[in-house]
Amino acid sequence: MKRKWLVIGGVLLALFWYRTNSWPVVAVVNGMPVTRFELNSLMYEKVGQDAVEELLMSRIISQEIAKKKIKVTDGEVAEKLKMLKEQIGSEESYKQALAIQGMTEKQLVGQIKMQLSLEKMVEPSTDSARLQQEVGQLVQSLREKAVVWKVLTRGK
């Protein structure tokens, strides 16, 4: 009987790992496990609302980009990334800037693609400040129009 429960537990653990690509225990301190659930709860308390809002905005913007069939080419993204790197200076400074932002190059490329898509949704302008203001207004209007149902946790 005990062996049966060990096998079931092992299968569940393997299934958890397969589905999440992580283990349910992130560390063991003096024989006591620190669980992924504890880590997730702490992270949610610290940065949860900001992270949720960022995910919501990303989803809202992505849906609008798809709805309007906005396309950004890899060449456009590469050109913008090249300009950014030139503004920063050296490759070392670029890598430091990414590290300071806590961002990978893949994440930066995703942000660049989203920014270029947003810029294609507003009136073209040679005035950078005006363009950014219009993009900001567009994002705000998308957020206001979006239907979002939030699931509250722990009475929040």
N, C-alpha and C. Protein backbone atom coordinates (compact mmCIF):
# COMPACT_ATOMS: atom_id res chain seq x y z
N MET A 1 0.83 -1.20 0.00
CA MET A 1 0.00 0.00 0.00
C MET A 1 0.87 1.26 0.00
N LYS A 2 1.92 1.25 0.85
CA LYS A 2 2.80 2.40 0.93
C LYS A 2 3.51 2.62 -0.40
N ARG A 3 3.89 1.52 -1.04
CA ARG A 3 4.57 1.60 -2.33
C ARG A 3 3.66 2.24 -3.38
N LYS A 4 2.37 1.90 -3.34
CA LYS A 4 1.40 2.45 -4.28
C LYS A 4 1.36 3.98 -4.15
N TRP A 5 1.34 4.49 -2.92
CA TRP A 5 1.30 5.93 -2.70
C TRP A 5 2.59 6.61 -3.15
N LEU A 6 3.72 5.92 -2.98
CA LEU A 6 4.99 6.46 -3.45
C LEU A 6 5.00 6.57 -4.98
N VAL A 7 4.47 5.55 -5.64
CA VAL A 7 4.39 5.57 -7.11
C VAL A 7 3.46 6.69 -7.56
N ILE A 8 2.30 6.80 -6.93
CA ILE A 8 1.36 7.87 -7.29
C ILE A 8 2.00 9.24 -7.06
N GLY A 9 2.67 9.40 -5.91
CA GLY A 9 3.35 10.67 -5.63
C GLY A 9 4.42 10.96 -6.65
N GLY A 10 5.19 9.94 -7.04
CA GLY A 10 6.23 10.12 -8.05
C GLY A 10 5.65 10.52 -9.40
N VAL A 11 4.55 9.89 -9.77
CA VAL A 11 3.89 10.21 -11.04
C VAL A 11 3.37 11.65 -11.01
N LEU A 12 2.75 12.04 -9.90
CA LEU A 12 2.25 13.42 -9.77
C LEU A 12 3.40 14.43 -9.82
N LEU A 13 4.50 14.12 -9.17
CA LEU A 13 5.66 15.00 -9.19
C LEU A 13 6.20 15.14 -10.61
N ALA A 14 6.31 14.02 -11.31
CA ALA A 14 6.79 14.05 -12.70
C ALA A 14 5.84 14.84 -13.59
N LEU A 15 4.53 14.65 -13.39
CA LEU A 15 3.54 15.39 -14.16
C LEU A 15 3.63 16.88 -13.88
N PHE A 16 3.79 17.24 -12.60
CA PHE A 16 3.96 18.65 -12.24
C PHE A 16 5.17 19.24 -12.96
N TRP A 17 6.29 18.52 -12.89
CA TRP A 17 7.51 19.00 -13.54
C TRP A 17 7.31 19.12 -15.04
N TYR A 18 6.65 18.14 -15.65
CA TYR A 18 6.42 18.16 -17.09
C TYR A 18 5.57 19.36 -17.50
N ARG A 19 4.53 19.65 -16.73
CA ARG A 19 3.61 20.75 -17.08
C ARG A 19 4.20 22.13 -16.79
N THR A 20 5.02 22.25 -15.75
CA THR A 20 5.52 23.57 -15.35
C THR A 20 7.00 23.78 -15.65
N ASN A 21 7.69 22.71 -16.02
CA ASN A 21 9.13 22.75 -16.24
C ASN A 21 9.87 23.27 -15.00
N SER A 22 9.34 22.96 -13.84
CA SER A 22 9.97 23.33 -12.58
C SER A 22 9.54 22.33 -11.51
N TRP A 23 10.27 22.30 -10.43
CA TRP A 23 9.94 21.42 -9.33
C TRP A 23 9.08 22.16 -8.31
N PRO A 24 8.22 21.44 -7.58
CA PRO A 24 7.39 22.12 -6.57
C PRO A 24 8.20 22.62 -5.38
N VAL A 25 9.40 22.11 -5.19
CA VAL A 25 10.27 22.58 -4.10
C VAL A 25 11.42 23.34 -4.74
N VAL A 26 11.61 24.60 -4.34
CA VAL A 26 12.67 25.42 -4.93
C VAL A 26 13.96 25.36 -4.12
N ALA A 27 13.86 24.99 -2.84
CA ALA A 27 15.04 24.89 -1.98
C ALA A 27 14.68 24.08 -0.74
N VAL A 28 15.72 23.62 -0.06
CA VAL A 28 15.53 22.94 1.22
C VAL A 28 16.47 23.61 2.21
N VAL A 29 15.91 24.11 3.31
CA VAL A 29 16.69 24.81 4.33
C VAL A 29 16.63 24.00 5.62
N ASN A 30 17.77 23.49 6.04
CA ASN A 30 17.84 22.67 7.25
C ASN A 30 16.78 21.58 7.26
N GLY A 31 16.61 20.92 6.11
CA GLY A 31 15.67 19.82 6.01
C GLY A 31 14.23 20.23 5.75
N MET A 32 13.93 21.52 5.74
CA MET A 32 12.56 22.00 5.52
C MET A 32 12.45 22.56 4.10
N PRO A 33 11.46 22.09 3.33
CA PRO A 33 11.34 22.56 1.95
C PRO A 33 10.76 23.97 1.86
N VAL A 34 11.23 24.70 0.86
CA VAL A 34 10.64 25.98 0.47
C VAL A 34 9.92 25.69 -0.84
N THR A 35 8.61 25.82 -0.84
CA THR A 35 7.83 25.39 -1.99
C THR A 35 7.67 26.50 -3.02
N ARG A 36 7.40 26.08 -4.24
CA ARG A 36 7.13 27.02 -5.33
C ARG A 36 5.90 27.87 -4.98
N PHE A 37 4.92 27.27 -4.30
CA PHE A 37 3.72 28.01 -3.90
C PHE A 37 4.10 29.16 -2.96
N GLU A 38 4.99 28.89 -1.99
CA GLU A 38 5.43 29.94 -1.06
C GLU A 38 6.15 31.06 -1.83
N LEU A 39 7.03 30.66 -2.75
CA LEU A 39 7.75 31.63 -3.56
C LEU A 39 6.79 32.46 -4.39
N ASN A 40 5.85 31.81 -5.06
CA ASN A 40 4.88 32.53 -5.88
C ASN A 40 4.04 33.49 -5.05
N SER A 41 3.63 33.06 -3.86
CA SER A 41 2.84 33.93 -2.98
C SER A 41 3.62 35.17 -2.58
N LEU A 42 4.89 34.98 -2.20
CA LEU A 42 5.73 36.11 -1.82
C LEU A 42 5.95 37.06 -2.99
N MET A 43 6.24 36.48 -4.14
CA MET A 43 6.46 37.33 -5.32
C MET A 43 5.20 38.10 -5.67
N TYR A 44 4.03 37.47 -5.55
CA TYR A 44 2.79 38.16 -5.85
C TYR A 44 2.55 39.31 -4.89
N GLU A 45 2.84 39.09 -3.62
CA GLU A 45 2.68 40.16 -2.63
C GLU A 45 3.59 41.33 -2.94
N LYS A 46 4.81 41.06 -3.38
CA LYS A 46 5.80 42.12 -3.62
C LYS A 46 5.55 42.87 -4.92
N VAL A 47 5.30 42.14 -6.02
CA VAL A 47 5.19 42.80 -7.33
C VAL A 47 3.96 42.36 -8.10
N GLY A 48 3.06 41.66 -7.45
CA GLY A 48 1.93 41.06 -8.12
C GLY A 48 1.06 41.99 -8.92
N GLN A 49 0.60 43.07 -8.31
CA GLN A 49 -0.32 43.96 -9.00
C GLN A 49 0.33 44.59 -10.23
N ASP A 50 1.59 44.99 -10.09
CA ASP A 50 2.29 45.56 -11.24
C ASP A 50 2.46 44.52 -12.35
N ALA A 51 2.80 43.30 -11.96
CA ALA A 51 2.98 42.23 -12.94
C ALA A 51 1.66 41.90 -13.63
N VAL A 52 0.58 41.84 -12.87
CA VAL A 52 -0.73 41.56 -13.46
C VAL A 52 -1.10 42.66 -14.44
N GLU A 53 -0.90 43.90 -14.05
CA GLU A 53 -1.24 45.02 -14.94
C GLU A 53 -0.40 44.97 -16.22
N GLU A 54 0.88 44.63 -16.08
CA GLU A 54 1.76 44.52 -17.26
C GLU A 54 1.27 43.41 -18.19
N LEU A 55 0.89 42.28 -17.62
CA LEU A 55 0.36 41.18 -18.43
C LEU A 55 -0.96 41.56 -19.12
N LEU A 56 -1.82 42.24 -18.38
CA LEU A 56 -3.09 42.68 -18.96
C LEU A 56 -2.86 43.62 -20.13
N MET A 57 -1.98 44.60 -19.94
CA MET A 57 -1.71 45.56 -21.01
C MET A 57 -1.08 44.89 -22.22
N SER A 58 -0.18 43.97 -21.97
CA SER A 58 0.44 43.24 -23.07
C SER A 58 -0.61 42.47 -23.87
N ARG A 59 -1.53 41.83 -23.15
CA ARG A 59 -2.59 41.06 -23.82
C ARG A 59 -3.53 41.98 -24.59
N ILE A 60 -3.91 43.10 -23.99
CA ILE A 60 -4.82 44.05 -24.63
C ILE A 60 -4.18 44.61 -25.90
N ILE A 61 -2.92 45.01 -25.81
CA ILE A 61 -2.22 45.57 -26.97
C ILE A 61 -2.04 44.51 -28.05
N SER A 62 -1.65 43.31 -27.67
CA SER A 62 -1.46 42.23 -28.65
C SER A 62 -2.76 41.93 -29.39
N GLN A 63 -3.88 41.94 -28.67
CA GLN A 63 -5.17 41.69 -29.31
C GLN A 63 -5.50 42.79 -30.32
N GLU A 64 -5.21 44.03 -29.97
CA GLU A 64 -5.48 45.15 -30.87
C GLU A 64 -4.58 45.08 -32.11
N ILE A 65 -3.33 44.72 -31.91
CA ILE A 65 -2.39 44.58 -33.03
C ILE A 65 -2.89 43.49 -33.98
N ALA A 66 -3.34 42.37 -33.43
CA ALA A 66 -3.86 41.28 -34.27
C ALA A 66 -5.14 41.70 -34.98
N LYS A 67 -6.02 42.39 -34.25
CA LYS A 67 -7.29 42.83 -34.82
C LYS A 67 -7.07 43.77 -36.00
N LYS A 68 -6.08 44.66 -35.87
CA LYS A 68 -5.81 45.63 -36.94
C LYS A 68 -4.82 45.11 -37.97
N LYS A 69 -4.37 43.86 -37.76
CA LYS A 69 -3.44 43.20 -38.69
C LYS A 69 -2.17 44.02 -38.93
N ILE A 70 -1.64 44.57 -37.85
CA ILE A 70 -0.40 45.35 -37.92
C ILE A 70 0.77 44.38 -38.02
N LYS A 71 1.64 44.61 -38.95
CA LYS A 71 2.82 43.76 -39.14
C LYS A 71 4.09 44.58 -38.95
N VAL A 72 5.02 44.03 -38.21
CA VAL A 72 6.34 44.63 -38.03
C VAL A 72 7.35 43.59 -38.50
N THR A 73 8.21 43.97 -39.41
CA THR A 73 9.17 43.01 -39.96
C THR A 73 10.37 42.85 -39.03
N ASP A 74 11.06 41.75 -39.21
CA ASP A 74 12.29 41.52 -38.45
C ASP A 74 13.32 42.59 -38.78
N GLY A 75 13.30 43.07 -40.02
CA GLY A 75 14.22 44.13 -40.43
C GLY A 75 13.96 45.43 -39.68
N GLU A 76 12.70 45.77 -39.48
CA GLU A 76 12.36 46.99 -38.74
C GLU A 76 12.83 46.87 -37.29
N VAL A 77 12.62 45.70 -36.71
CA VAL A 77 13.05 45.48 -35.33
C VAL A 77 14.57 45.55 -35.23
N ALA A 78 15.26 44.91 -36.18
CA ALA A 78 16.72 44.91 -36.19
C ALA A 78 17.27 46.33 -36.33
N GLU A 79 16.63 47.13 -37.17
CA GLU A 79 17.08 48.51 -37.37
C GLU A 79 16.91 49.32 -36.08
N LYS A 80 15.78 49.16 -35.41
CA LYS A 80 15.53 49.88 -34.15
C LYS A 80 16.52 49.42 -33.08
N LEU A 81 16.78 48.12 -33.01
CA LEU A 81 17.74 47.59 -32.04
C LEU A 81 19.14 48.12 -32.33
N LYS A 82 19.49 48.19 -33.59
CA LYS A 82 20.80 48.73 -33.99
C LYS A 82 20.93 50.20 -33.55
N MET A 83 19.88 50.98 -33.79
CA MET A 83 19.89 52.39 -33.38
C MET A 83 20.04 52.52 -31.87
N LEU A 84 19.34 51.66 -31.14
CA LEU A 84 19.40 51.68 -29.68
C LEU A 84 20.81 51.36 -29.20
N LYS A 85 21.41 50.34 -29.80
CA LYS A 85 22.77 49.97 -29.42
C LYS A 85 23.76 51.10 -29.72
N GLU A 86 23.56 51.79 -30.84
CA GLU A 86 24.43 52.91 -31.20
C GLU A 86 24.29 54.05 -30.19
N GLN A 87 23.07 54.30 -29.73
CA GLN A 87 22.83 55.35 -28.74
C GLN A 87 23.51 55.02 -27.41
N ILE A 88 23.48 53.75 -27.05
CA ILE A 88 24.07 53.32 -25.78
C ILE A 88 25.59 53.35 -25.84
N GLY A 89 26.14 52.99 -26.99
CA GLY A 89 27.60 53.03 -27.15
C GLY A 89 28.17 51.65 -27.39
N SER A 90 28.89 51.13 -26.42
CA SER A 90 29.58 49.85 -26.59
C SER A 90 28.64 48.67 -26.31
N GLU A 91 29.09 47.50 -26.77
CA GLU A 91 28.35 46.26 -26.51
C GLU A 91 28.27 46.00 -25.01
N GLU A 92 29.36 46.32 -24.31
CA GLU A 92 29.40 46.13 -22.86
C GLU A 92 28.36 47.01 -22.16
N SER A 93 28.25 48.27 -22.59
CA SER A 93 27.26 49.18 -22.01
C SER A 93 25.85 48.69 -22.30
N TYR A 94 25.65 48.15 -23.50
CA TYR A 94 24.35 47.60 -23.88
C TYR A 94 23.97 46.44 -22.96
N LYS A 95 24.90 45.53 -22.73
CA LYS A 95 24.65 44.39 -21.86
C LYS A 95 24.39 44.84 -20.42
N GLN A 96 25.12 45.87 -19.98
CA GLN A 96 24.90 46.40 -18.63
C GLN A 96 23.51 47.02 -18.52
N ALA A 97 23.10 47.74 -19.56
CA ALA A 97 21.77 48.36 -19.55
C ALA A 97 20.68 47.29 -19.46
N LEU A 98 20.85 46.20 -20.21
CA LEU A 98 19.88 45.10 -20.13
C LEU A 98 19.85 44.51 -18.72
N ALA A 99 21.03 44.31 -18.15
CA ALA A 99 21.12 43.74 -16.80
C ALA A 99 20.46 44.65 -15.77
N ILE A 100 20.70 45.94 -15.88
CA ILE A 100 20.10 46.90 -14.95
C ILE A 100 18.58 46.86 -15.03
N GLN A 101 18.07 46.69 -16.26
CA GLN A 101 16.62 46.62 -16.45
C GLN A 101 16.06 45.24 -16.10
N GLY A 102 16.96 44.28 -15.84
CA GLY A 102 16.52 42.92 -15.55
C GLY A 102 15.83 42.29 -16.74
N MET A 103 16.41 42.50 -17.91
CA MET A 103 15.77 42.12 -19.16
C MET A 103 16.74 41.35 -20.05
N THR A 104 16.20 40.41 -20.81
CA THR A 104 17.00 39.72 -21.80
C THR A 104 16.85 40.42 -23.14
N GLU A 105 17.73 40.10 -24.07
CA GLU A 105 17.60 40.71 -25.40
C GLU A 105 16.30 40.27 -26.07
N LYS A 106 15.89 39.03 -25.82
CA LYS A 106 14.64 38.54 -26.39
C LYS A 106 13.46 39.38 -25.89
N GLN A 107 13.46 39.72 -24.60
CA GLN A 107 12.39 40.55 -24.05
C GLN A 107 12.43 41.95 -24.66
N LEU A 108 13.64 42.49 -24.83
CA LEU A 108 13.79 43.81 -25.44
C LEU A 108 13.26 43.80 -26.87
N VAL A 109 13.59 42.76 -27.63
CA VAL A 109 13.11 42.65 -29.00
C VAL A 109 11.58 42.61 -29.01
N GLY A 110 10.98 41.90 -28.06
CA GLY A 110 9.52 41.86 -27.96
C GLY A 110 8.93 43.23 -27.67
N GLN A 111 9.58 43.98 -26.79
CA GLN A 111 9.11 45.34 -26.48
C GLN A 111 9.26 46.26 -27.68
N ILE A 112 10.37 46.12 -28.39
CA ILE A 112 10.58 46.93 -29.59
C ILE A 112 9.49 46.64 -30.61
N LYS A 113 9.19 45.36 -30.81
CA LYS A 113 8.17 44.97 -31.78
C LYS A 113 6.81 45.55 -31.39
N MET A 114 6.49 45.48 -30.10
CA MET A 114 5.21 46.03 -29.65
C MET A 114 5.18 47.55 -29.83
N GLN A 115 6.28 48.22 -29.50
CA GLN A 115 6.36 49.68 -29.65
C GLN A 115 6.19 50.09 -31.11
N LEU A 116 6.88 49.40 -32.01
CA LEU A 116 6.76 49.71 -33.43
C LEU A 116 5.34 49.47 -33.93
N SER A 117 4.71 48.41 -33.44
CA SER A 117 3.32 48.12 -33.81
C SER A 117 2.39 49.24 -33.35
N LEU A 118 2.59 49.69 -32.11
CA LEU A 118 1.78 50.80 -31.59
C LEU A 118 2.00 52.06 -32.41
N GLU A 119 3.24 52.33 -32.78
CA GLU A 119 3.54 53.52 -33.58
C GLU A 119 2.85 53.47 -34.94
N LYS A 120 2.66 52.27 -35.47
CA LYS A 120 1.97 52.13 -36.76
C LYS A 120 0.47 52.36 -36.63
N MET A 121 -0.06 52.34 -35.41
CA MET A 121 -1.50 52.54 -35.19
C MET A 121 -1.87 54.00 -35.03
N VAL A 122 -0.89 54.88 -34.89
CA VAL A 122 -1.18 56.31 -34.71
C VAL A 122 -0.66 57.08 -35.92
N GLU A 123 -1.04 58.36 -35.98
CA GLU A 123 -0.58 59.23 -37.06
C GLU A 123 0.93 59.29 -37.08
N PRO A 124 1.55 59.06 -38.23
CA PRO A 124 3.01 59.19 -38.29
C PRO A 124 3.45 60.61 -37.96
N SER A 125 4.58 60.71 -37.29
CA SER A 125 5.08 62.03 -36.91
C SER A 125 6.60 61.99 -36.83
N THR A 126 7.20 63.09 -37.22
CA THR A 126 8.66 63.20 -37.08
C THR A 126 9.02 63.73 -35.69
N ASP A 127 8.02 64.21 -34.96
CA ASP A 127 8.22 64.71 -33.61
C ASP A 127 8.10 63.53 -32.64
N SER A 128 9.21 63.11 -32.09
CA SER A 128 9.25 61.92 -31.23
C SER A 128 8.36 62.08 -30.00
N ALA A 129 8.38 63.25 -29.38
CA ALA A 129 7.56 63.48 -28.18
C ALA A 129 6.08 63.37 -28.52
N ARG A 130 5.69 63.94 -29.64
CA ARG A 130 4.28 63.89 -30.06
C ARG A 130 3.87 62.44 -30.35
N LEU A 131 4.75 61.70 -31.02
CA LEU A 131 4.47 60.31 -31.34
C LEU A 131 4.28 59.49 -30.07
N GLN A 132 5.16 59.68 -29.10
CA GLN A 132 5.05 58.94 -27.84
C GLN A 132 3.80 59.33 -27.07
N GLN A 133 3.42 60.60 -27.14
CA GLN A 133 2.19 61.05 -26.48
C GLN A 133 0.97 60.37 -27.12
N GLU A 134 0.95 60.29 -28.44
CA GLU A 134 -0.17 59.65 -29.13
C GLU A 134 -0.22 58.15 -28.83
N VAL A 135 0.95 57.51 -28.77
CA VAL A 135 0.99 56.10 -28.42
C VAL A 135 0.47 55.91 -26.99
N GLY A 136 0.88 56.77 -26.07
CA GLY A 136 0.39 56.70 -24.70
C GLY A 136 -1.11 56.86 -24.61
N GLN A 137 -1.65 57.79 -25.39
CA GLN A 137 -3.10 57.99 -25.40
C GLN A 137 -3.82 56.78 -25.99
N LEU A 138 -3.23 56.18 -27.02
CA LEU A 138 -3.80 54.98 -27.62
C LEU A 138 -3.86 53.85 -26.60
N VAL A 139 -2.74 53.63 -25.91
CA VAL A 139 -2.68 52.56 -24.90
C VAL A 139 -3.71 52.81 -23.81
N GLN A 140 -3.82 54.04 -23.35
CA GLN A 140 -4.80 54.38 -22.31
C GLN A 140 -6.23 54.12 -22.79
N SER A 141 -6.52 54.48 -24.03
CA SER A 141 -7.88 54.26 -24.54
C SER A 141 -8.16 52.77 -24.70
N LEU A 142 -7.15 52.00 -25.11
CA LEU A 142 -7.34 50.55 -25.21
C LEU A 142 -7.63 49.95 -23.83
N ARG A 143 -6.90 50.42 -22.83
CA ARG A 143 -7.09 49.92 -21.46
C ARG A 143 -8.49 50.25 -20.95
N GLU A 144 -8.94 51.46 -21.25
CA GLU A 144 -10.27 51.89 -20.79
C GLU A 144 -11.39 51.10 -21.47
N LYS A 145 -11.18 50.72 -22.73
CA LYS A 145 -12.20 49.99 -23.48
C LYS A 145 -12.21 48.50 -23.18
N ALA A 146 -11.12 47.99 -22.66
CA ALA A 146 -10.99 46.55 -22.45
C ALA A 146 -11.93 46.05 -21.35
N VAL A 147 -12.47 44.89 -21.55
CA VAL A 147 -13.29 44.23 -20.54
C VAL A 147 -12.36 43.26 -19.81
N VAL A 148 -12.08 43.55 -18.55
CA VAL A 148 -11.14 42.74 -17.77
C VAL A 148 -11.85 42.25 -16.52
N TRP A 149 -11.80 40.97 -16.31
CA TRP A 149 -12.32 40.37 -15.09
C TRP A 149 -11.13 39.91 -14.29
N LYS A 150 -10.93 40.50 -13.13
CA LYS A 150 -9.83 40.10 -12.27
C LYS A 150 -10.34 39.15 -11.20
N VAL A 151 -9.57 38.11 -10.98
CA VAL A 151 -9.89 37.17 -9.91
C VAL A 151 -9.11 37.62 -8.69
N LEU A 152 -9.82 37.99 -7.65
CA LEU A 152 -9.16 38.51 -6.45
C LEU A 152 -8.67 37.36 -5.57
N THR A 153 -7.54 37.57 -4.91
CA THR A 153 -7.02 36.55 -4.01
C THR A 153 -6.85 37.15 -2.63
N ARG A 154 -7.05 36.32 -1.62
CA ARG A 154 -6.85 36.72 -0.23
C ARG A 154 -7.52 38.02 0.14
N GLY A 155 -8.74 38.20 -0.29
CA GLY A 155 -9.51 39.37 0.08
C GLY A 155 -9.01 40.66 -0.50
N LYS A 156 -8.17 40.60 -1.54
CA LYS A 156 -7.63 41.83 -2.14
C LYS A 156 -8.47 42.26 -3.30
